[in-house]
Amino acid sequence: MTQHASLSPERWSEFTRDQQILMIGNEMNRASRLIQRTDRPGLLLAYERVLRLVDLTIEVQAGYGIRRELLRWRDLIAEMYISPEIPAAGQHGAVFRALLQLTPAAAQQIPFVLAR
């Protein structure tokens, strides 16, 4: 069972969209460190947590536009999850950046978590 398996949609909907995206981003940041350590089992667990939080966000968001973008973004994570190889740090970083660009508050974190 993953860490967020018991998190209900009702509880998740209490967070703002910015908070939801930032919490998904937190899991992506953890995954970034696991990629650096080439910890595939840990990375898979991190991606499972990301997928769970994205699914919850899609479920509770009323706006069609944000749901559509999250569904597209989810496909990127799912592709990296099922890949037999650890994704390149650059690939993961590009997907992470795309997530953070979904809300203004999350985008402000880009210089801190994706410094080049």
N, C-alpha and C. Protein backbone atom coordinates (compact mmCIF):
# COMPACT_ATOMS: atom_id res chain seq x y z
N MET A 1 0.85 -1.19 0.00
CA MET A 1 0.00 0.00 0.00
C MET A 1 0.89 1.24 0.00
N THR A 2 0.57 2.18 -0.86
CA THR A 2 1.37 3.39 -0.93
C THR A 2 0.98 4.36 0.18
N GLN A 3 1.83 5.32 0.39
CA GLN A 3 1.67 6.27 1.47
C GLN A 3 0.33 7.01 1.43
N HIS A 4 -0.15 7.36 0.26
CA HIS A 4 -1.36 8.17 0.14
C HIS A 4 -2.60 7.35 -0.19
N ALA A 5 -2.53 6.04 -0.06
CA ALA A 5 -3.64 5.17 -0.46
C ALA A 5 -4.91 5.45 0.34
N SER A 6 -4.78 5.87 1.57
CA SER A 6 -5.97 6.10 2.40
C SER A 6 -6.46 7.55 2.35
N LEU A 7 -5.80 8.39 1.58
CA LEU A 7 -6.20 9.79 1.46
C LEU A 7 -7.49 9.86 0.65
N SER A 8 -8.53 10.42 1.23
CA SER A 8 -9.83 10.47 0.57
C SER A 8 -9.94 11.69 -0.34
N PRO A 9 -10.78 11.60 -1.36
CA PRO A 9 -11.03 12.76 -2.21
C PRO A 9 -11.58 13.94 -1.40
N GLU A 10 -12.38 13.65 -0.41
CA GLU A 10 -12.95 14.72 0.43
C GLU A 10 -11.84 15.49 1.15
N ARG A 11 -10.90 14.75 1.71
CA ARG A 11 -9.78 15.39 2.41
C ARG A 11 -8.90 16.16 1.42
N TRP A 12 -8.62 15.55 0.27
CA TRP A 12 -7.76 16.17 -0.73
C TRP A 12 -8.40 17.46 -1.27
N SER A 13 -9.71 17.47 -1.39
CA SER A 13 -10.40 18.64 -1.93
C SER A 13 -10.35 19.83 -0.97
N GLU A 14 -9.96 19.61 0.26
CA GLU A 14 -9.83 20.71 1.22
C GLU A 14 -8.60 21.57 0.92
N PHE A 15 -7.67 21.03 0.15
CA PHE A 15 -6.48 21.79 -0.22
C PHE A 15 -6.77 22.60 -1.48
N THR A 16 -6.13 23.74 -1.61
CA THR A 16 -6.29 24.55 -2.82
C THR A 16 -5.57 23.85 -3.98
N ARG A 17 -5.88 24.27 -5.19
CA ARG A 17 -5.20 23.72 -6.36
C ARG A 17 -3.69 23.93 -6.25
N ASP A 18 -3.28 25.12 -5.81
CA ASP A 18 -1.85 25.38 -5.63
C ASP A 18 -1.23 24.39 -4.65
N GLN A 19 -1.89 24.15 -3.54
CA GLN A 19 -1.37 23.22 -2.55
C GLN A 19 -1.29 21.80 -3.11
N GLN A 20 -2.30 21.41 -3.86
CA GLN A 20 -2.29 20.07 -4.45
C GLN A 20 -1.11 19.90 -5.41
N ILE A 21 -0.91 20.88 -6.28
CA ILE A 21 0.20 20.80 -7.24
C ILE A 21 1.53 20.82 -6.50
N LEU A 22 1.64 21.63 -5.46
CA LEU A 22 2.89 21.67 -4.69
C LEU A 22 3.16 20.36 -3.96
N MET A 23 2.12 19.69 -3.49
CA MET A 23 2.33 18.41 -2.82
C MET A 23 2.73 17.33 -3.82
N ILE A 24 2.17 17.38 -5.02
CA ILE A 24 2.63 16.46 -6.07
C ILE A 24 4.09 16.79 -6.39
N GLY A 25 4.40 18.07 -6.47
CA GLY A 25 5.77 18.51 -6.71
C GLY A 25 6.73 18.02 -5.65
N ASN A 26 6.28 17.98 -4.41
CA ASN A 26 7.12 17.47 -3.33
C ASN A 26 7.51 16.02 -3.59
N GLU A 27 6.56 15.21 -4.05
CA GLU A 27 6.87 13.82 -4.38
C GLU A 27 7.81 13.74 -5.59
N MET A 28 7.62 14.63 -6.56
CA MET A 28 8.52 14.67 -7.72
C MET A 28 9.94 15.05 -7.28
N ASN A 29 10.04 15.95 -6.32
CA ASN A 29 11.36 16.35 -5.81
C ASN A 29 12.03 15.16 -5.12
N ARG A 30 11.27 14.39 -4.37
CA ARG A 30 11.83 13.18 -3.75
C ARG A 30 12.32 12.23 -4.84
N ALA A 31 11.53 12.09 -5.89
CA ALA A 31 11.90 11.21 -7.00
C ALA A 31 13.21 11.68 -7.65
N SER A 32 13.39 12.99 -7.73
CA SER A 32 14.63 13.53 -8.31
C SER A 32 15.85 13.02 -7.56
N ARG A 33 15.78 13.03 -6.25
CA ARG A 33 16.90 12.54 -5.45
C ARG A 33 17.12 11.04 -5.65
N LEU A 34 16.04 10.30 -5.82
CA LEU A 34 16.16 8.85 -6.03
C LEU A 34 16.78 8.54 -7.39
N ILE A 35 16.50 9.37 -8.38
CA ILE A 35 17.13 9.20 -9.69
C ILE A 35 18.64 9.40 -9.56
N GLN A 36 19.05 10.41 -8.81
CA GLN A 36 20.48 10.67 -8.61
C GLN A 36 21.18 9.50 -7.94
N ARG A 37 20.45 8.82 -7.07
CA ARG A 37 21.03 7.67 -6.35
C ARG A 37 20.83 6.35 -7.10
N THR A 38 20.20 6.41 -8.26
CA THR A 38 19.83 5.23 -9.06
C THR A 38 19.09 4.19 -8.22
N ASP A 39 18.18 4.67 -7.40
CA ASP A 39 17.37 3.81 -6.53
C ASP A 39 16.04 3.51 -7.24
N ARG A 40 16.06 2.51 -8.13
CA ARG A 40 14.86 2.19 -8.91
C ARG A 40 13.67 1.78 -8.05
N PRO A 41 13.84 0.89 -7.06
CA PRO A 41 12.67 0.53 -6.23
C PRO A 41 12.07 1.74 -5.51
N GLY A 42 12.91 2.60 -4.99
CA GLY A 42 12.43 3.81 -4.33
C GLY A 42 11.75 4.75 -5.31
N LEU A 43 12.31 4.85 -6.51
CA LEU A 43 11.74 5.71 -7.54
C LEU A 43 10.35 5.23 -7.94
N LEU A 44 10.19 3.92 -8.08
CA LEU A 44 8.87 3.39 -8.43
C LEU A 44 7.84 3.72 -7.36
N LEU A 45 8.23 3.62 -6.11
CA LEU A 45 7.31 3.99 -5.02
C LEU A 45 6.98 5.48 -5.07
N ALA A 46 7.96 6.30 -5.37
CA ALA A 46 7.72 7.74 -5.47
C ALA A 46 6.75 8.03 -6.61
N TYR A 47 6.95 7.39 -7.75
CA TYR A 47 6.04 7.60 -8.87
C TYR A 47 4.63 7.08 -8.56
N GLU A 48 4.53 6.01 -7.78
CA GLU A 48 3.20 5.54 -7.35
C GLU A 48 2.50 6.61 -6.51
N ARG A 49 3.26 7.25 -5.62
CA ARG A 49 2.67 8.32 -4.80
C ARG A 49 2.26 9.50 -5.68
N VAL A 50 3.09 9.84 -6.65
CA VAL A 50 2.75 10.93 -7.58
C VAL A 50 1.47 10.59 -8.32
N LEU A 51 1.38 9.39 -8.85
CA LEU A 51 0.19 8.99 -9.59
C LEU A 51 -1.06 9.03 -8.72
N ARG A 52 -0.94 8.61 -7.49
CA ARG A 52 -2.09 8.64 -6.57
C ARG A 52 -2.56 10.07 -6.35
N LEU A 53 -1.63 10.98 -6.09
CA LEU A 53 -2.01 12.37 -5.85
C LEU A 53 -2.56 13.04 -7.11
N VAL A 54 -2.01 12.71 -8.24
CA VAL A 54 -2.54 13.26 -9.50
C VAL A 54 -3.95 12.75 -9.73
N ASP A 55 -4.17 11.46 -9.50
CA ASP A 55 -5.52 10.91 -9.66
C ASP A 55 -6.52 11.60 -8.74
N LEU A 56 -6.13 11.84 -7.51
CA LEU A 56 -7.01 12.56 -6.58
C LEU A 56 -7.29 13.98 -7.08
N THR A 57 -6.27 14.63 -7.57
CA THR A 57 -6.43 16.01 -8.05
C THR A 57 -7.37 16.04 -9.24
N ILE A 58 -7.21 15.12 -10.17
CA ILE A 58 -8.10 15.04 -11.32
C ILE A 58 -9.53 14.80 -10.85
N GLU A 59 -9.68 13.96 -9.86
CA GLU A 59 -11.02 13.63 -9.35
C GLU A 59 -11.72 14.82 -8.72
N VAL A 60 -10.98 15.67 -8.01
CA VAL A 60 -11.64 16.73 -7.25
C VAL A 60 -11.67 18.08 -7.95
N GLN A 61 -10.93 18.24 -9.04
CA GLN A 61 -10.92 19.53 -9.73
C GLN A 61 -12.13 19.64 -10.65
N ALA A 62 -12.83 20.75 -10.54
CA ALA A 62 -14.03 20.96 -11.35
C ALA A 62 -13.71 21.48 -12.75
N GLY A 63 -12.60 22.16 -12.90
CA GLY A 63 -12.27 22.77 -14.19
C GLY A 63 -11.82 21.77 -15.23
N TYR A 64 -12.43 21.81 -16.40
CA TYR A 64 -12.08 20.90 -17.49
C TYR A 64 -10.63 21.09 -17.92
N GLY A 65 -10.19 22.34 -18.02
CA GLY A 65 -8.84 22.63 -18.50
C GLY A 65 -7.76 22.01 -17.63
N ILE A 66 -7.85 22.18 -16.34
CA ILE A 66 -6.82 21.64 -15.44
C ILE A 66 -6.86 20.12 -15.44
N ARG A 67 -8.05 19.55 -15.49
CA ARG A 67 -8.14 18.08 -15.55
C ARG A 67 -7.50 17.55 -16.83
N ARG A 68 -7.77 18.20 -17.95
CA ARG A 68 -7.19 17.78 -19.23
C ARG A 68 -5.67 17.83 -19.16
N GLU A 69 -5.12 18.94 -18.63
CA GLU A 69 -3.67 19.07 -18.55
C GLU A 69 -3.06 18.04 -17.59
N LEU A 70 -3.73 17.80 -16.48
CA LEU A 70 -3.22 16.80 -15.54
C LEU A 70 -3.27 15.39 -16.13
N LEU A 71 -4.30 15.10 -16.91
CA LEU A 71 -4.37 13.79 -17.56
C LEU A 71 -3.22 13.62 -18.55
N ARG A 72 -2.92 14.66 -19.30
CA ARG A 72 -1.78 14.60 -20.21
C ARG A 72 -0.48 14.43 -19.44
N TRP A 73 -0.35 15.19 -18.35
CA TRP A 73 0.87 15.13 -17.54
C TRP A 73 1.00 13.75 -16.91
N ARG A 74 -0.12 13.18 -16.47
CA ARG A 74 -0.12 11.85 -15.85
C ARG A 74 0.45 10.81 -16.80
N ASP A 75 0.13 10.93 -18.09
CA ASP A 75 0.66 9.99 -19.07
C ASP A 75 2.19 9.99 -19.08
N LEU A 76 2.79 11.16 -18.89
CA LEU A 76 4.25 11.24 -18.87
C LEU A 76 4.83 10.48 -17.68
N ILE A 77 4.20 10.64 -16.53
CA ILE A 77 4.67 9.93 -15.33
C ILE A 77 4.45 8.43 -15.49
N ALA A 78 3.30 8.05 -16.01
CA ALA A 78 3.01 6.63 -16.20
C ALA A 78 4.02 6.00 -17.14
N GLU A 79 4.41 6.73 -18.18
CA GLU A 79 5.41 6.21 -19.12
C GLU A 79 6.75 5.99 -18.41
N MET A 80 7.16 6.93 -17.57
CA MET A 80 8.42 6.77 -16.85
C MET A 80 8.30 5.64 -15.82
N TYR A 81 7.12 5.48 -15.24
CA TYR A 81 6.89 4.43 -14.24
C TYR A 81 7.05 3.04 -14.84
N ILE A 82 6.51 2.84 -16.03
CA ILE A 82 6.56 1.49 -16.61
C ILE A 82 7.85 1.22 -17.39
N SER A 83 8.65 2.23 -17.59
CA SER A 83 9.90 2.05 -18.31
C SER A 83 10.83 1.11 -17.54
N PRO A 84 11.51 0.22 -18.25
CA PRO A 84 12.44 -0.68 -17.55
C PRO A 84 13.70 0.03 -17.06
N GLU A 85 13.94 1.22 -17.57
CA GLU A 85 15.13 1.98 -17.19
C GLU A 85 14.76 3.16 -16.30
N ILE A 86 15.69 3.59 -15.47
CA ILE A 86 15.51 4.82 -14.70
C ILE A 86 15.54 5.97 -15.69
N PRO A 87 14.58 6.88 -15.62
CA PRO A 87 14.60 7.99 -16.58
C PRO A 87 15.83 8.88 -16.37
N ALA A 88 16.23 9.51 -17.44
CA ALA A 88 17.34 10.46 -17.34
C ALA A 88 16.90 11.62 -16.46
N ALA A 89 17.84 12.19 -15.74
CA ALA A 89 17.53 13.32 -14.87
C ALA A 89 16.89 14.46 -15.66
N GLY A 90 17.35 14.68 -16.88
CA GLY A 90 16.80 15.74 -17.72
C GLY A 90 15.35 15.48 -18.10
N GLN A 91 15.02 14.23 -18.39
CA GLN A 91 13.64 13.88 -18.73
C GLN A 91 12.73 14.11 -17.53
N HIS A 92 13.15 13.61 -16.38
CA HIS A 92 12.38 13.79 -15.16
C HIS A 92 12.23 15.28 -14.85
N GLY A 93 13.31 16.03 -14.99
CA GLY A 93 13.27 17.46 -14.72
C GLY A 93 12.30 18.20 -15.63
N ALA A 94 12.25 17.83 -16.89
CA ALA A 94 11.34 18.48 -17.83
C ALA A 94 9.88 18.21 -17.45
N VAL A 95 9.60 16.98 -17.04
CA VAL A 95 8.24 16.63 -16.62
C VAL A 95 7.90 17.36 -15.32
N PHE A 96 8.84 17.43 -14.41
CA PHE A 96 8.67 18.14 -13.14
C PHE A 96 8.38 19.62 -13.42
N ARG A 97 9.13 20.22 -14.32
CA ARG A 97 8.93 21.63 -14.67
C ARG A 97 7.52 21.86 -15.24
N ALA A 98 7.09 20.95 -16.10
CA ALA A 98 5.74 21.07 -16.68
C ALA A 98 4.67 21.06 -15.59
N LEU A 99 4.85 20.22 -14.59
CA LEU A 99 3.90 20.20 -13.47
C LEU A 99 3.88 21.54 -12.76
N LEU A 100 5.05 22.03 -12.40
CA LEU A 100 5.12 23.27 -11.63
C LEU A 100 4.59 24.47 -12.41
N GLN A 101 4.58 24.40 -13.71
CA GLN A 101 4.06 25.50 -14.51
C GLN A 101 2.53 25.52 -14.59
N LEU A 102 1.89 24.56 -13.96
CA LEU A 102 0.42 24.51 -14.00
C LEU A 102 -0.25 25.57 -13.13
N THR A 103 0.45 26.06 -12.11
CA THR A 103 -0.12 27.13 -11.27
C THR A 103 0.96 28.17 -10.97
N PRO A 104 0.56 29.43 -10.80
CA PRO A 104 1.54 30.47 -10.52
C PRO A 104 2.34 30.22 -9.23
N ALA A 105 1.68 29.76 -8.18
CA ALA A 105 2.38 29.52 -6.92
C ALA A 105 3.42 28.42 -7.07
N ALA A 106 3.07 27.37 -7.80
CA ALA A 106 4.02 26.28 -8.01
C ALA A 106 5.17 26.73 -8.91
N ALA A 107 4.87 27.53 -9.91
CA ALA A 107 5.92 28.01 -10.83
C ALA A 107 6.98 28.81 -10.09
N GLN A 108 6.63 29.47 -9.01
CA GLN A 108 7.60 30.24 -8.24
C GLN A 108 8.66 29.35 -7.60
N GLN A 109 8.40 28.06 -7.50
CA GLN A 109 9.34 27.12 -6.88
C GLN A 109 10.39 26.61 -7.86
N ILE A 110 10.20 26.84 -9.14
CA ILE A 110 11.11 26.29 -10.15
C ILE A 110 12.58 26.65 -9.89
N PRO A 111 12.91 27.90 -9.57
CA PRO A 111 14.33 28.21 -9.34
C PRO A 111 14.93 27.45 -8.15
N PHE A 112 14.11 27.04 -7.22
CA PHE A 112 14.61 26.38 -6.01
C PHE A 112 14.77 24.87 -6.18
N VAL A 113 13.90 24.25 -6.99
CA VAL A 113 13.96 22.79 -7.12
C VAL A 113 14.52 22.34 -8.46
N LEU A 114 14.59 23.23 -9.42
CA LEU A 114 15.08 22.87 -10.75
C LEU A 114 16.18 23.82 -11.20
N ALA A 115 17.01 24.23 -10.29
CA ALA A 115 18.08 25.17 -10.62
C ALA A 115 19.01 24.55 -11.64
N ARG A 116 19.39 25.32 -12.61
CA ARG A 116 20.29 24.82 -13.66
C ARG A 116 21.64 25.43 -13.50
